[in-house]
Amino acid sequence: MDQSKTIGGDVSPSSNSIPTSNPATSARVESAAQTAHRTVDNIADRATAQVDRVSGAVHRTVNSAADAATSAGQWASNMPEQAKEVQTKITEAACASIRARPISTVAGALVIGYLLGRLARL
């Protein structure tokens, strides 16, 4: 039996291949490839622009958060010093008040102690 014949008819090795030498087909393939390339380039350009925009926004946000954290850290580091100053001022004021009126200070402390004791029993 001849191998070049099949049930459907003649099959030769050249009739099975896609004609690449046809200028019309080659032009269409080239045009489709160029269109696809332009589309991919457009999408890549848009994606790059969006990434740049988002990246800039993220950088600004991170810098702002870092500045806020730095100022909060400085404020917190000053708090113990401020608390000591306030404590010293209150202690000095209390000492001055007690020295100026010792009897009324003791009497006031006794009255407040008595009232707190009565409230605690209720």
N, C-alpha and C. Protein backbone atom coordinates (compact mmCIF):
# COMPACT_ATOMS: atom_id res chain seq x y z
N MET A 1 0.84 -1.18 0.00
CA MET A 1 0.00 0.00 0.00
C MET A 1 0.88 1.23 0.00
N ASP A 2 0.47 2.23 -0.74
CA ASP A 2 1.23 3.46 -0.86
C ASP A 2 0.95 4.33 0.36
N GLN A 3 1.98 4.85 1.02
CA GLN A 3 1.81 5.60 2.25
C GLN A 3 1.36 7.03 2.01
N SER A 4 1.45 7.48 0.79
CA SER A 4 1.03 8.86 0.53
C SER A 4 -0.47 8.95 0.31
N LYS A 5 -1.19 7.83 0.26
CA LYS A 5 -2.63 7.83 0.05
C LYS A 5 -3.32 7.46 1.36
N THR A 6 -4.40 8.16 1.67
CA THR A 6 -5.21 7.82 2.83
C THR A 6 -6.64 7.75 2.39
N ILE A 7 -7.49 7.49 3.34
CA ILE A 7 -8.91 7.37 3.01
C ILE A 7 -9.45 8.71 2.53
N GLY A 8 -9.00 9.80 3.11
CA GLY A 8 -9.51 11.11 2.75
C GLY A 8 -8.95 11.61 1.44
N GLY A 9 -7.92 11.06 0.92
CA GLY A 9 -7.37 11.53 -0.33
C GLY A 9 -5.87 11.65 -0.23
N ASP A 10 -5.33 12.42 -1.13
CA ASP A 10 -3.89 12.59 -1.22
C ASP A 10 -3.38 13.44 -0.07
N VAL A 11 -2.33 12.97 0.58
CA VAL A 11 -1.68 13.76 1.62
C VAL A 11 -0.21 13.76 1.29
N SER A 12 0.28 14.89 0.97
CA SER A 12 1.71 15.00 0.71
C SER A 12 2.32 15.81 1.84
N PRO A 13 3.60 15.65 2.06
CA PRO A 13 4.24 16.35 3.17
C PRO A 13 4.09 17.86 3.08
N SER A 14 4.00 18.44 1.92
CA SER A 14 3.92 19.90 1.80
C SER A 14 2.50 20.41 2.01
N SER A 15 1.46 19.60 1.87
CA SER A 15 0.10 20.07 2.02
C SER A 15 -0.31 20.17 3.49
N ASN A 16 0.43 19.57 4.41
CA ASN A 16 0.12 19.59 5.84
C ASN A 16 0.69 20.83 6.53
N SER A 17 1.70 21.46 5.99
CA SER A 17 2.36 22.57 6.68
C SER A 17 1.62 23.86 6.41
N ILE A 18 1.82 24.84 7.32
CA ILE A 18 1.20 26.15 7.20
C ILE A 18 2.05 26.96 6.25
N PRO A 19 1.47 27.58 5.29
CA PRO A 19 2.27 28.33 4.32
C PRO A 19 2.80 29.60 4.97
N THR A 20 4.11 29.67 5.12
CA THR A 20 4.74 30.85 5.74
C THR A 20 5.28 31.79 4.69
N SER A 21 5.34 31.33 3.49
CA SER A 21 5.88 32.18 2.44
C SER A 21 4.80 33.05 1.80
N ASN A 22 3.55 32.87 2.21
CA ASN A 22 2.46 33.67 1.67
C ASN A 22 2.58 35.09 2.22
N PRO A 23 2.75 36.10 1.39
CA PRO A 23 2.95 37.47 1.86
C PRO A 23 1.75 38.03 2.62
N ALA A 24 0.53 37.69 2.23
CA ALA A 24 -0.66 38.21 2.91
C ALA A 24 -0.74 37.67 4.33
N THR A 25 -0.48 36.39 4.50
CA THR A 25 -0.51 35.78 5.83
C THR A 25 0.60 36.32 6.68
N SER A 26 1.75 36.45 6.11
CA SER A 26 2.90 36.97 6.84
C SER A 26 2.64 38.41 7.30
N ALA A 27 2.02 39.22 6.48
CA ALA A 27 1.71 40.60 6.84
C ALA A 27 0.68 40.66 7.97
N ARG A 28 -0.33 39.77 7.90
CA ARG A 28 -1.34 39.75 8.97
C ARG A 28 -0.73 39.33 10.30
N VAL A 29 0.15 38.32 10.27
CA VAL A 29 0.82 37.86 11.50
C VAL A 29 1.69 38.98 12.06
N GLU A 30 2.42 39.65 11.19
CA GLU A 30 3.29 40.75 11.62
C GLU A 30 2.46 41.88 12.21
N SER A 31 1.33 42.20 11.57
CA SER A 31 0.45 43.26 12.06
C SER A 31 -0.12 42.90 13.43
N ALA A 32 -0.55 41.65 13.58
CA ALA A 32 -1.09 41.20 14.87
C ALA A 32 -0.02 41.24 15.94
N ALA A 33 1.20 40.86 15.60
CA ALA A 33 2.30 40.88 16.57
C ALA A 33 2.61 42.31 16.99
N GLN A 34 2.61 43.25 16.03
CA GLN A 34 2.88 44.65 16.36
C GLN A 34 1.77 45.24 17.23
N THR A 35 0.53 44.88 16.92
CA THR A 35 -0.59 45.35 17.73
C THR A 35 -0.49 44.82 19.15
N ALA A 36 -0.19 43.55 19.27
CA ALA A 36 -0.02 42.95 20.60
C ALA A 36 1.13 43.62 21.35
N HIS A 37 2.21 43.90 20.65
CA HIS A 37 3.37 44.54 21.27
C HIS A 37 3.01 45.95 21.76
N ARG A 38 2.28 46.72 20.94
CA ARG A 38 1.86 48.06 21.35
C ARG A 38 0.93 47.99 22.56
N THR A 39 0.02 47.02 22.54
CA THR A 39 -0.92 46.86 23.66
C THR A 39 -0.16 46.55 24.95
N VAL A 40 0.79 45.63 24.87
CA VAL A 40 1.57 45.27 26.05
C VAL A 40 2.38 46.48 26.54
N ASP A 41 2.96 47.25 25.61
CA ASP A 41 3.71 48.45 25.98
C ASP A 41 2.80 49.48 26.66
N ASN A 42 1.60 49.67 26.13
CA ASN A 42 0.64 50.59 26.75
C ASN A 42 0.31 50.17 28.17
N ILE A 43 0.00 48.90 28.34
CA ILE A 43 -0.35 48.38 29.66
C ILE A 43 0.83 48.53 30.61
N ALA A 44 2.03 48.23 30.13
CA ALA A 44 3.23 48.36 30.97
C ALA A 44 3.46 49.81 31.37
N ASP A 45 3.26 50.75 30.44
CA ASP A 45 3.44 52.16 30.75
C ASP A 45 2.42 52.62 31.80
N ARG A 46 1.18 52.22 31.63
CA ARG A 46 0.14 52.59 32.61
C ARG A 46 0.44 51.98 33.98
N ALA A 47 0.84 50.72 34.00
CA ALA A 47 1.16 50.07 35.27
C ALA A 47 2.34 50.76 35.94
N THR A 48 3.35 51.14 35.17
CA THR A 48 4.51 51.82 35.73
C THR A 48 4.10 53.16 36.32
N ALA A 49 3.24 53.89 35.63
CA ALA A 49 2.77 55.18 36.14
C ALA A 49 2.00 55.01 37.44
N GLN A 50 1.13 54.00 37.49
CA GLN A 50 0.35 53.75 38.70
C GLN A 50 1.26 53.34 39.86
N VAL A 51 2.23 52.48 39.60
CA VAL A 51 3.16 52.04 40.64
C VAL A 51 3.97 53.23 41.16
N ASP A 52 4.41 54.11 40.26
CA ASP A 52 5.15 55.30 40.67
C ASP A 52 4.28 56.21 41.54
N ARG A 53 3.03 56.38 41.14
CA ARG A 53 2.12 57.24 41.91
C ARG A 53 1.87 56.66 43.30
N VAL A 54 1.58 55.37 43.36
CA VAL A 54 1.33 54.72 44.65
C VAL A 54 2.59 54.70 45.50
N SER A 55 3.71 54.47 44.88
CA SER A 55 4.98 54.45 45.61
C SER A 55 5.25 55.81 46.24
N GLY A 56 5.01 56.88 45.51
CA GLY A 56 5.19 58.22 46.06
C GLY A 56 4.27 58.48 47.23
N ALA A 57 3.02 58.06 47.11
CA ALA A 57 2.06 58.25 48.20
C ALA A 57 2.48 57.46 49.43
N VAL A 58 2.95 56.25 49.23
CA VAL A 58 3.39 55.42 50.36
C VAL A 58 4.61 56.05 51.03
N HIS A 59 5.54 56.56 50.23
CA HIS A 59 6.73 57.20 50.80
C HIS A 59 6.33 58.42 51.64
N ARG A 60 5.41 59.23 51.12
CA ARG A 60 4.97 60.40 51.89
C ARG A 60 4.30 59.98 53.18
N THR A 61 3.48 58.94 53.13
CA THR A 61 2.79 58.46 54.33
C THR A 61 3.78 57.93 55.36
N VAL A 62 4.75 57.16 54.90
CA VAL A 62 5.76 56.61 55.83
C VAL A 62 6.57 57.74 56.46
N ASN A 63 6.96 58.72 55.66
CA ASN A 63 7.71 59.86 56.21
C ASN A 63 6.88 60.63 57.24
N SER A 64 5.61 60.82 56.95
CA SER A 64 4.73 61.51 57.88
C SER A 64 4.59 60.73 59.19
N ALA A 65 4.42 59.42 59.08
CA ALA A 65 4.31 58.58 60.28
C ALA A 65 5.61 58.59 61.08
N ALA A 66 6.73 58.58 60.39
CA ALA A 66 8.02 58.63 61.08
C ALA A 66 8.20 59.95 61.82
N ASP A 67 7.79 61.05 61.18
CA ASP A 67 7.88 62.35 61.84
C ASP A 67 6.99 62.41 63.08
N ALA A 68 5.77 61.88 62.95
CA ALA A 68 4.85 61.86 64.09
C ALA A 68 5.41 60.99 65.23
N ALA A 69 5.99 59.85 64.89
CA ALA A 69 6.56 58.98 65.92
C ALA A 69 7.75 59.64 66.60
N THR A 70 8.55 60.37 65.84
CA THR A 70 9.70 61.05 66.42
C THR A 70 9.25 62.13 67.40
N SER A 71 8.26 62.93 66.98
CA SER A 71 7.80 63.99 67.88
C SER A 71 7.12 63.40 69.12
N ALA A 72 6.39 62.31 68.96
CA ALA A 72 5.76 61.65 70.11
C ALA A 72 6.83 61.08 71.05
N GLY A 73 7.88 60.54 70.49
CA GLY A 73 8.97 60.01 71.32
C GLY A 73 9.67 61.11 72.10
N GLN A 74 9.88 62.25 71.45
CA GLN A 74 10.51 63.38 72.15
C GLN A 74 9.59 63.89 73.26
N TRP A 75 8.29 63.98 72.97
CA TRP A 75 7.34 64.42 73.99
C TRP A 75 7.34 63.46 75.17
N ALA A 76 7.34 62.16 74.88
CA ALA A 76 7.31 61.16 75.95
C ALA A 76 8.60 61.17 76.76
N SER A 77 9.72 61.46 76.11
CA SER A 77 10.98 61.48 76.86
C SER A 77 11.06 62.69 77.78
N ASN A 78 10.31 63.74 77.48
CA ASN A 78 10.29 64.93 78.34
C ASN A 78 9.29 64.80 79.49
N MET A 79 8.39 63.86 79.42
CA MET A 79 7.35 63.71 80.45
C MET A 79 7.91 63.44 81.84
N PRO A 80 8.87 62.54 82.04
CA PRO A 80 9.38 62.33 83.41
C PRO A 80 9.97 63.60 84.02
N GLU A 81 10.67 64.38 83.23
CA GLU A 81 11.23 65.64 83.74
C GLU A 81 10.12 66.60 84.15
N GLN A 82 9.09 66.71 83.31
CA GLN A 82 7.97 67.59 83.62
C GLN A 82 7.22 67.11 84.86
N ALA A 83 7.05 65.80 85.00
CA ALA A 83 6.36 65.25 86.17
C ALA A 83 7.15 65.55 87.44
N LYS A 84 8.48 65.44 87.37
CA LYS A 84 9.30 65.75 88.55
C LYS A 84 9.18 67.23 88.92
N GLU A 85 9.13 68.10 87.91
CA GLU A 85 8.99 69.53 88.17
C GLU A 85 7.65 69.83 88.84
N VAL A 86 6.58 69.23 88.35
CA VAL A 86 5.25 69.44 88.93
C VAL A 86 5.21 68.90 90.35
N GLN A 87 5.79 67.73 90.57
CA GLN A 87 5.82 67.15 91.91
C GLN A 87 6.59 68.06 92.87
N THR A 88 7.68 68.59 92.42
CA THR A 88 8.47 69.49 93.26
C THR A 88 7.68 70.75 93.60
N LYS A 89 6.99 71.33 92.61
CA LYS A 89 6.20 72.54 92.84
C LYS A 89 5.06 72.28 93.83
N ILE A 90 4.38 71.15 93.67
CA ILE A 90 3.26 70.83 94.57
C ILE A 90 3.77 70.59 95.99
N THR A 91 4.89 69.89 96.11
CA THR A 91 5.47 69.62 97.44
C THR A 91 5.88 70.93 98.11
N GLU A 92 6.51 71.82 97.36
CA GLU A 92 6.91 73.11 97.93
C GLU A 92 5.71 73.94 98.35
N ALA A 93 4.65 73.93 97.53
CA ALA A 93 3.44 74.67 97.87
C ALA A 93 2.78 74.09 99.12
N ALA A 94 2.73 72.76 99.22
CA ALA A 94 2.14 72.13 100.41
C ALA A 94 2.96 72.45 101.66
N CYS A 95 4.26 72.41 101.54
CA CYS A 95 5.12 72.72 102.69
C CYS A 95 4.94 74.17 103.13
N ALA A 96 4.86 75.06 102.17
CA ALA A 96 4.67 76.48 102.50
C ALA A 96 3.32 76.69 103.17
N SER A 97 2.27 76.02 102.70
CA SER A 97 0.94 76.16 103.29
C SER A 97 0.92 75.60 104.71
N ILE A 98 1.55 74.48 104.94
CA ILE A 98 1.57 73.86 106.27
C ILE A 98 2.37 74.74 107.24
N ARG A 99 3.47 75.30 106.79
CA ARG A 99 4.27 76.18 107.66
C ARG A 99 3.51 77.47 108.00
N ALA A 100 2.73 77.97 107.05
CA ALA A 100 2.00 79.22 107.28
C ALA A 100 0.85 79.02 108.27
N ARG A 101 0.12 77.89 108.20
CA ARG A 101 -1.04 77.62 109.07
C ARG A 101 -1.00 76.17 109.56
N PRO A 102 -0.16 75.84 110.50
CA PRO A 102 -0.04 74.44 110.92
C PRO A 102 -1.29 73.93 111.64
N ILE A 103 -1.91 74.72 112.47
CA ILE A 103 -3.07 74.25 113.24
C ILE A 103 -4.26 74.02 112.32
N SER A 104 -4.55 74.94 111.42
CA SER A 104 -5.69 74.76 110.52
C SER A 104 -5.44 73.61 109.55
N THR A 105 -4.20 73.34 109.17
CA THR A 105 -3.89 72.22 108.28
C THR A 105 -4.18 70.90 108.98
N VAL A 106 -3.75 70.79 110.26
CA VAL A 106 -4.00 69.56 111.02
C VAL A 106 -5.49 69.40 111.25
N ALA A 107 -6.20 70.47 111.57
CA ALA A 107 -7.65 70.39 111.81
C ALA A 107 -8.36 69.98 110.52
N GLY A 108 -7.95 70.55 109.41
CA GLY A 108 -8.56 70.18 108.12
C GLY A 108 -8.32 68.72 107.78
N ALA A 109 -7.13 68.21 108.07
CA ALA A 109 -6.82 66.81 107.80
C ALA A 109 -7.68 65.91 108.68
N LEU A 110 -7.90 66.29 109.95
CA LEU A 110 -8.75 65.49 110.84
C LEU A 110 -10.20 65.46 110.34
N VAL A 111 -10.72 66.60 109.89
CA VAL A 111 -12.10 66.66 109.40
C VAL A 111 -12.24 65.78 108.15
N ILE A 112 -11.31 65.89 107.25
CA ILE A 112 -11.38 65.09 106.01
C ILE A 112 -11.27 63.60 106.35
N GLY A 113 -10.40 63.24 107.29
CA GLY A 113 -10.27 61.84 107.70
C GLY A 113 -11.56 61.31 108.31
N TYR A 114 -12.19 62.12 109.17
CA TYR A 114 -13.45 61.74 109.80
C TYR A 114 -14.53 61.51 108.75
N LEU A 115 -14.66 62.45 107.79
CA LEU A 115 -15.69 62.32 106.76
C LEU A 115 -15.46 61.09 105.87
N LEU A 116 -14.22 60.83 105.53
CA LEU A 116 -13.92 59.64 104.71
C LEU A 116 -14.24 58.36 105.48
N GLY A 117 -13.99 58.37 106.79
CA GLY A 117 -14.32 57.20 107.62
C GLY A 117 -15.82 56.96 107.67
N ARG A 118 -16.59 58.03 107.77
CA ARG A 118 -18.05 57.90 107.81
C ARG A 118 -18.58 57.39 106.45
N LEU A 119 -18.02 57.89 105.39
CA LEU A 119 -18.45 57.43 104.07
C LEU A 119 -18.09 55.97 103.84
N ALA A 120 -16.99 55.53 104.38
CA ALA A 120 -16.57 54.14 104.19
C ALA A 120 -17.49 53.18 104.93
N ARG A 121 -18.13 53.61 106.00
CA ARG A 121 -19.03 52.73 106.77
C ARG A 121 -20.37 52.55 106.07
N LEU A 122 -20.74 53.47 105.22
CA LEU A 122 -22.04 53.37 104.54
C LEU A 122 -22.00 52.34 103.52
